[in-house]
C-alpha atoms as a PDB file:
ATOM      1  CA  MET A   1      72.245  92.740 148.236  1.00  0.00           C
ATOM      2  CA  ASP A   2      71.651  90.140 145.522  1.00  0.00           C
ATOM      3  CA  PRO A   3      71.930  91.741 142.026  1.00  0.00           C
ATOM      4  CA  GLN A   4      68.719  89.959 140.913  1.00  0.00           C
ATOM      5  CA  ILE A   5      66.812  91.483 143.835  1.00  0.00           C
ATOM      6  CA  ASP A   6      68.253  94.921 143.036  1.00  0.00           C
ATOM      7  CA  GLN A   7      67.210  94.531 139.405  1.00  0.00           C
ATOM      8  CA  ALA A   8      63.677  93.417 140.359  1.00  0.00           C
ATOM      9  CA  LEU A   9      63.240  96.333 142.782  1.00  0.00           C
ATOM     10  CA  ASP A  10      64.574  98.823 140.224  1.00  0.00           C
ATOM     11  CA  ALA A  11      61.927  97.653 137.737  1.00  0.00           C
ATOM     12  CA  VAL A  12      59.033  98.193 140.189  1.00  0.00           C
ATOM     13  CA  GLY A  13      58.872 101.983 139.667  1.00  0.00           C
ATOM     14  CA  PRO A  14      58.325 101.889 135.892  1.00  0.00           C
ATOM     15  CA  ARG A  15      55.869  98.994 136.338  1.00  0.00           C
ATOM     16  CA  LEU A  16      53.873 101.042 138.890  1.00  0.00           C
ATOM     17  CA  ARG A  17      53.754 104.012 136.502  1.00  0.00           C
ATOM     18  CA  THR A  18      52.606 101.769 133.616  1.00  0.00           C
ATOM     19  CA  LEU A  19      49.867 100.144 135.722  1.00  0.00           C
ATOM     20  CA  ARG A  20      48.595 103.521 136.919  1.00  0.00           C
ATOM     21  CA  ARG A  21      48.522 104.951 133.392  1.00  0.00           C
ATOM     22  CA  GLN A  22      46.790 101.856 132.000  1.00  0.00           C
ATOM     23  CA  ARG A  23      44.056 102.354 134.597  1.00  0.00           C
ATOM     24  CA  GLU A  24      43.971 106.098 133.744  1.00  0.00           C
ATOM     25  CA  THR A  25      44.421 106.953 137.434  1.00  0.00           C
ATOM     26  CA  THR A  26      46.102 110.084 138.786  1.00  0.00           C
ATOM     27  CA  LEU A  27      48.630 110.037 141.615  1.00  0.00           C
ATOM     28  CA  ALA A  28      46.061 111.841 143.780  1.00  0.00           C
ATOM     29  CA  GLU A  29      43.411 109.171 143.098  1.00  0.00           C
ATOM     30  CA  LEU A  30      45.897 106.393 143.826  1.00  0.00           C
ATOM     31  CA  SER A  31      46.939 108.181 147.023  1.00  0.00           C
ATOM     32  CA  ALA A  32      43.313 108.325 148.164  1.00  0.00           C
ATOM     33  CA  ALA A  33      42.856 104.602 147.418  1.00  0.00           C
ATOM     34  CA  THR A  34      46.045 103.447 149.168  1.00  0.00           C
ATOM     35  CA  GLY A  35      46.719 105.994 151.912  1.00  0.00           C
ATOM     36  CA  ILE A  36      50.217 106.555 150.479  1.00  0.00           C
ATOM     37  CA  SER A  37      51.179 110.201 149.944  1.00  0.00           C
ATOM     38  CA  VAL A  38      51.394 111.604 146.409  1.00  0.00           C
ATOM     39  CA  SER A  39      55.065 112.487 146.919  1.00  0.00           C
ATOM     40  CA  THR A  40      55.902 108.914 148.012  1.00  0.00           C
ATOM     41  CA  LEU A  41      54.032 107.488 145.031  1.00  0.00           C
ATOM     42  CA  SER A  42      55.865 109.851 142.685  1.00  0.00           C
ATOM     43  CA  ARG A  43      59.249 108.919 144.177  1.00  0.00           C
ATOM     44  CA  LEU A  44      58.400 105.185 143.905  1.00  0.00           C
ATOM     45  CA  GLU A  45      57.467 105.540 140.232  1.00  0.00           C
ATOM     46  CA  SER A  46      60.603 107.542 139.411  1.00  0.00           C
ATOM     47  CA  GLY A  47      62.855 105.101 141.270  1.00  0.00           C
ATOM     48  CA  ALA A  48      63.932 107.737 143.810  1.00  0.00           C
ATOM     49  CA  ARG A  49      62.464 105.627 146.620  1.00  0.00           C
ATOM     50  CA  ARG A  50      62.958 101.923 147.151  1.00  0.00           C
ATOM     51  CA  PRO A  51      59.717  99.937 147.461  1.00  0.00           C
ATOM     52  CA  THR A  52      58.930  98.194 150.731  1.00  0.00           C
ATOM     53  CA  LEU A  53      56.370  95.504 151.483  1.00  0.00           C
ATOM     54  CA  GLU A  54      54.252  98.051 153.398  1.00  0.00           C
ATOM     55  CA  LEU A  55      54.019 100.161 150.223  1.00  0.00           C
ATOM     56  CA  LEU A  56      53.706  97.334 147.700  1.00  0.00           C
ATOM     57  CA  LEU A  57      50.788  95.496 149.346  1.00  0.00           C
ATOM     58  CA  PRO A  58      48.252  98.366 149.085  1.00  0.00           C
ATOM     59  CA  LEU A  59      49.529  99.225 145.596  1.00  0.00           C
ATOM     60  CA  ALA A  60      49.081  95.647 144.366  1.00  0.00           C
ATOM     61  CA  LYS A  61      45.539  95.653 145.755  1.00  0.00           C
ATOM     62  CA  ALA A  62      44.705  99.031 144.191  1.00  0.00           C
ATOM     63  CA  HIS A  63      46.012  97.917 140.782  1.00  0.00           C
ATOM     64  CA  GLY A  64      44.298  94.508 140.969  1.00  0.00           C
ATOM     65  CA  VAL A  65      47.514  92.510 140.555  1.00  0.00           C
ATOM     66  CA  THR A  66      49.349  90.040 142.747  1.00  0.00           C
ATOM     67  CA  LEU A  67      52.478  91.050 144.591  1.00  0.00           C
ATOM     68  CA  ASP A  68      54.404  88.586 142.399  1.00  0.00           C
ATOM     69  CA  GLU A  69      53.199  90.382 139.273  1.00  0.00           C
ATOM     70  CA  LEU A  70      54.050  93.772 140.730  1.00  0.00           C
ATOM     71  CA  VAL A  71      57.680  92.822 141.395  1.00  0.00           C
ATOM     72  CA  ASP A  72      57.866  90.436 138.403  1.00  0.00           C
ATOM     73  CA  ALA A  73      58.819  87.523 140.643  1.00  0.00           C
ATOM     74  CA  PRO A  74      60.122  84.446 138.831  1.00  0.00           C
ATOM     75  CA  LEU A  75      57.655  81.638 138.240  1.00  0.00           C
ATOM     76  CA  THR A  76      57.721  78.925 140.883  1.00  0.00           C
ATOM     77  CA  GLY A  77      56.768  76.116 138.534  1.00  0.00           C
ATOM     78  CA  ASP A  78      53.258  75.832 139.969  1.00  0.00           C
ATOM     79  CA  PRO A  79      50.917  76.285 136.971  1.00  0.00           C
ATOM     80  CA  ARG A  80      47.739  76.605 139.038  1.00  0.00           C
ATOM     81  CA  ILE A  81      45.738  79.804 138.807  1.00  0.00           C
ATOM     82  CA  HIS A  82      44.113  80.741 142.079  1.00  0.00           C
ATOM     83  CA  LEU A  83      40.750  82.082 141.007  1.00  0.00           C
ATOM     84  CA  ARG A  84      38.729  84.300 143.299  1.00  0.00           C
ATOM     85  CA  PRO A  85      35.109  83.922 142.235  1.00  0.00           C
ATOM     86  CA  LEU A  86      32.660  86.767 142.669  1.00  0.00           C
ATOM     87  CA  ALA A  87      29.152  85.571 143.476  1.00  0.00           C
ATOM     88  CA  GLY A  88      25.827  87.310 143.836  1.00  0.00           C
ATOM     89  CA  TYR A  89      22.407  87.768 142.343  1.00  0.00           C
ATOM     90  CA  GLY A  90      22.299  84.222 140.995  1.00  0.00           C
ATOM     91  CA  MET A  91      25.594  84.463 139.132  1.00  0.00           C
ATOM     92  CA  THR A  92      29.209  83.447 139.739  1.00  0.00           C
ATOM     93  CA  ILE A  93      31.974  85.251 137.845  1.00  0.00           C
ATOM     94  CA  LEU A  94      35.466  83.749 137.665  1.00  0.00           C
ATOM     95  CA  PRO A  95      38.052  86.281 136.412  1.00  0.00           C
ATOM     96  CA  LEU A  96      40.508  84.421 134.167  1.00  0.00           C
ATOM     97  CA  THR A  97      42.765  87.397 133.391  1.00  0.00           C
ATOM     98  CA  ARG A  98      45.388  88.421 135.911  1.00  0.00           C
ATOM     99  CA  ARG A  99      46.456  91.776 134.534  1.00  0.00           C
ATOM    100  CA  PRO A 100      44.885  95.215 134.429  1.00  0.00           C
ATOM    101  CA  GLY A 101      43.889  96.839 131.161  1.00  0.00           C
ATOM    102  CA  GLY A 102      43.283  95.272 127.781  1.00  0.00           C
ATOM    103  CA  ILE A 103      40.821  92.496 127.097  1.00  0.00           C
ATOM    104  CA  GLN A 104      39.585  90.737 130.234  1.00  0.00           C
ATOM    105  CA  ALA A 105      38.425  87.106 130.246  1.00  0.00           C
ATOM    106  CA  TYR A 106      35.754  85.670 132.551  1.00  0.00           C
ATOM    107  CA  LYS A 107      33.947  82.377 133.018  1.00  0.00           C
ATOM    108  CA  MET A 108      30.380  83.129 134.050  1.00  0.00           C
ATOM    109  CA  VAL A 109      27.862  80.736 135.564  1.00  0.00           C
ATOM    110  CA  ILE A 110      24.225  81.717 135.904  1.00  0.00           C
ATOM    111  CA  GLU A 111      22.553  79.408 138.395  1.00  0.00           C
ATOM    112  CA  ALA A 112      19.408  77.401 137.669  1.00  0.00           C
ATOM    113  CA  LYS A 113      16.297  79.453 138.465  1.00  0.00           C
ATOM    114  CA  SER A 114      18.463  82.567 138.859  1.00  0.00           C
ATOM    115  CA  PRO A 115      16.914  85.895 139.886  1.00  0.00           C
ATOM    116  CA  ARG A 116      18.411  87.282 136.625  1.00  0.00           C
ATOM    117  CA  ARG A 117      15.215  86.190 134.840  1.00  0.00           C
ATOM    118  CA  SER A 118      13.735  89.646 134.251  1.00  0.00           C
ATOM    119  CA  PRO A 119      15.622  91.526 131.530  1.00  0.00           C
ATOM    120  CA  GLU A 120      16.995  94.963 132.311  1.00  0.00           C
ATOM    121  CA  LEU A 121      18.932  96.290 129.317  1.00  0.00           C
ATOM    122  CA  LYS A 122      22.037  98.367 130.083  1.00  0.00           C
ATOM    123  CA  THR A 123      24.760 100.150 128.129  1.00  0.00           C
ATOM    124  CA  HIS A 124      28.392 100.964 128.870  1.00  0.00           C
ATOM    125  CA  GLU A 125      31.654 101.547 127.026  1.00  0.00           C
ATOM    126  CA  GLY A 126      33.374  98.512 125.581  1.00  0.00           C
ATOM    127  CA  PHE A 127      33.049  95.459 123.372  1.00  0.00           C
ATOM    128  CA  GLU A 128      32.046  91.966 124.504  1.00  0.00           C
ATOM    129  CA  TRP A 129      32.396  88.468 123.086  1.00  0.00           C
ATOM    130  CA  LEU A 130      30.378  85.550 124.565  1.00  0.00           C
ATOM    131  CA  TYR A 131      30.822  81.802 124.028  1.00  0.00           C
ATOM    132  CA  VAL A 132      28.308  79.339 125.535  1.00  0.00           C
ATOM    133  CA  LEU A 133      29.805  76.225 127.162  1.00  0.00           C
ATOM    134  CA  ASN A 134      26.719  74.597 128.738  1.00  0.00           C
ATOM    135  CA  GLY A 135      23.035  75.446 128.977  1.00  0.00           C
ATOM    136  CA  ARG A 136      21.120  78.013 126.957  1.00  0.00           C
ATOM    137  CA  LEU A 137      21.907  81.736 127.155  1.00  0.00           C
ATOM    138  CA  ARG A 138      19.331  84.388 126.349  1.00  0.00           C
ATOM    139  CA  LEU A 139      20.912  87.525 124.902  1.00  0.00           C
ATOM    140  CA  MET A 140      18.843  90.640 124.376  1.00  0.00           C
ATOM    141  CA  LEU A 141      20.719  93.092 122.194  1.00  0.00           C
ATOM    142  CA  GLY A 142      18.911  96.194 121.008  1.00  0.00           C
ATOM    143  CA  GLU A 143      15.810  94.913 119.173  1.00  0.00           C
ATOM    144  CA  ASN A 144      17.139  91.320 119.005  1.00  0.00           C
ATOM    145  CA  ASP A 145      16.118  88.577 121.450  1.00  0.00           C
ATOM    146  CA  LEU A 146      18.424  85.598 120.863  1.00  0.00           C
ATOM    147  CA  ILE A 147      18.948  82.137 122.362  1.00  0.00           C
ATOM    148  CA  LEU A 148      22.552  80.896 122.215  1.00  0.00           C
ATOM    149  CA  GLU A 149      23.177  77.146 122.490  1.00  0.00           C
ATOM    150  CA  PRO A 150      26.427  75.416 123.568  1.00  0.00           C
ATOM    151  CA  GLY A 151      29.149  76.138 121.017  1.00  0.00           C
ATOM    152  CA  GLU A 152      27.555  79.366 119.792  1.00  0.00           C
ATOM    153  CA  ALA A 153      29.186  82.772 120.180  1.00  0.00           C
ATOM    154  CA  ALA A 154      28.116  86.400 119.916  1.00  0.00           C
ATOM    155  CA  GLU A 155      30.054  89.658 119.832  1.00  0.00           C
ATOM    156  CA  PHE A 156      28.689  93.144 120.278  1.00  0.00           C
ATOM    157  CA  ASP A 157      29.410  96.754 121.109  1.00  0.00           C
ATOM    158  CA  THR A 158      28.289  97.251 124.718  1.00  0.00           C
ATOM    159  CA  ARG A 159      26.998 100.742 123.911  1.00  0.00           C
ATOM    160  CA  VAL A 160      24.030  98.892 122.363  1.00  0.00           C
ATOM    161  CA  PRO A 161      21.427  98.195 125.099  1.00  0.00           C
ATOM    162  CA  HIS A 162      21.919  94.575 126.185  1.00  0.00           C
ATOM    163  CA  TRP A 163      21.119  91.956 128.811  1.00  0.00           C
ATOM    164  CA  PHE A 164      21.889  88.272 129.187  1.00  0.00           C
ATOM    165  CA  GLY A 165      20.574  85.505 131.415  1.00  0.00           C
ATOM    166  CA  ALA A 166      19.510  81.869 131.415  1.00  0.00           C
ATOM    167  CA  ALA A 167      17.059  81.079 128.605  1.00  0.00           C
ATOM    168  CA  ASP A 168      15.162  78.594 130.783  1.00  0.00           C
ATOM    169  CA  ASP A 169      15.176  77.222 134.349  1.00  0.00           C
ATOM    170  CA  GLY A 170      18.541  75.483 133.832  1.00  0.00           C
ATOM    171  CA  ALA A 171      21.988  76.828 134.631  1.00  0.00           C
ATOM    172  CA  VAL A 172      24.164  78.305 131.883  1.00  0.00           C
ATOM    173  CA  GLU A 173      27.962  78.522 131.695  1.00  0.00           C
ATOM    174  CA  PHE A 174      29.746  80.778 129.238  1.00  0.00           C
ATOM    175  CA  LEU A 175      32.995  82.584 128.582  1.00  0.00           C
ATOM    176  CA  SER A 176      33.109  86.343 128.233  1.00  0.00           C
ATOM    177  CA  LEU A 177      35.888  88.445 126.741  1.00  0.00           C
ATOM    178  CA  PHE A 178      35.425  92.128 127.484  1.00  0.00           C
ATOM    179  CA  GLY A 179      37.436  95.148 126.356  1.00  0.00           C
ATOM    180  CA  ARG A 180      36.655  98.480 128.005  1.00  0.00           C
ATOM    181  CA  GLN A 181      38.113 100.555 125.174  1.00  0.00           C
ATOM    182  CA  GLY A 182      36.191  98.629 122.538  1.00  0.00           C
ATOM    183  CA  GLU A 183      38.924  96.101 121.748  1.00  0.00           C
ATOM    184  CA  ARG A 184      37.541  93.245 119.710  1.00  0.00           C
ATOM    185  CA  ALA A 185      38.485  89.592 119.800  1.00  0.00           C
ATOM    186  CA  HIS A 186      40.282  88.637 116.595  1.00  0.00           C
ATOM    187  CA  VAL A 187      39.887  85.119 115.318  1.00  0.00           C
ATOM    188  CA  ARG A 188      42.671  84.047 113.013  1.00  0.00           C
ATOM    189  CA  VAL A 189      42.522  81.056 110.721  1.00  0.00           C
ATOM    190  CA  ARG A 190      45.181  79.618 108.493  1.00  0.00           C
ATOM    191  CA  PRO A 191      44.642  80.256 104.819  1.00  0.00           C
ATOM    192  CA  LYS A 192      43.692  77.227 102.791  1.00  0.00           C
ATOM    193  CA  THR A 193      46.679  75.669 101.115  1.00  0.00           C
ATOM    194  CA  LYS A 194      46.396  74.689  97.530  1.00  0.00           C
ATOM    195  CA  PRO A 195      47.039  70.997  96.782  1.00  0.00           C
END
């Protein structure tokens, strides 16, 4: 067999273990999600069993990664990202991040005259950063009721009751960075140089 293929397949086990731990999933939970036995999953992660396509496909799906990412396939030179939008309830969400764990990036579009007009404040673990591209975004955060215009941003702890939607009958497009463990977006600027 080609040494590059051997090397790629040998690296799959540790990558599977890392992905599972990042998602804080047990072998038993992963087994239930994929239909692959716990012993097979354990042997795959330890490198005692060679991965096959029949095993890798359900694992890639369960971990939310592409098969190429799972086996660390070399880039093909095609820079396009194949987005899979999620649509419903007057909103389209385009995931921009292609890896599990860490900060996730999304482009969100709330349609004109969306059913998301009536605020329903929610809380959950994490930290979110929003940046408005087009339209006007209404953000309710605790006691605050804010209107964000294009070019404006907001960041907040998602344990604070919050809701967002279109501020008027028009559509709104914005970017969202979200970290489940409370990771914050860090903006770095160059220090001013003295003349």
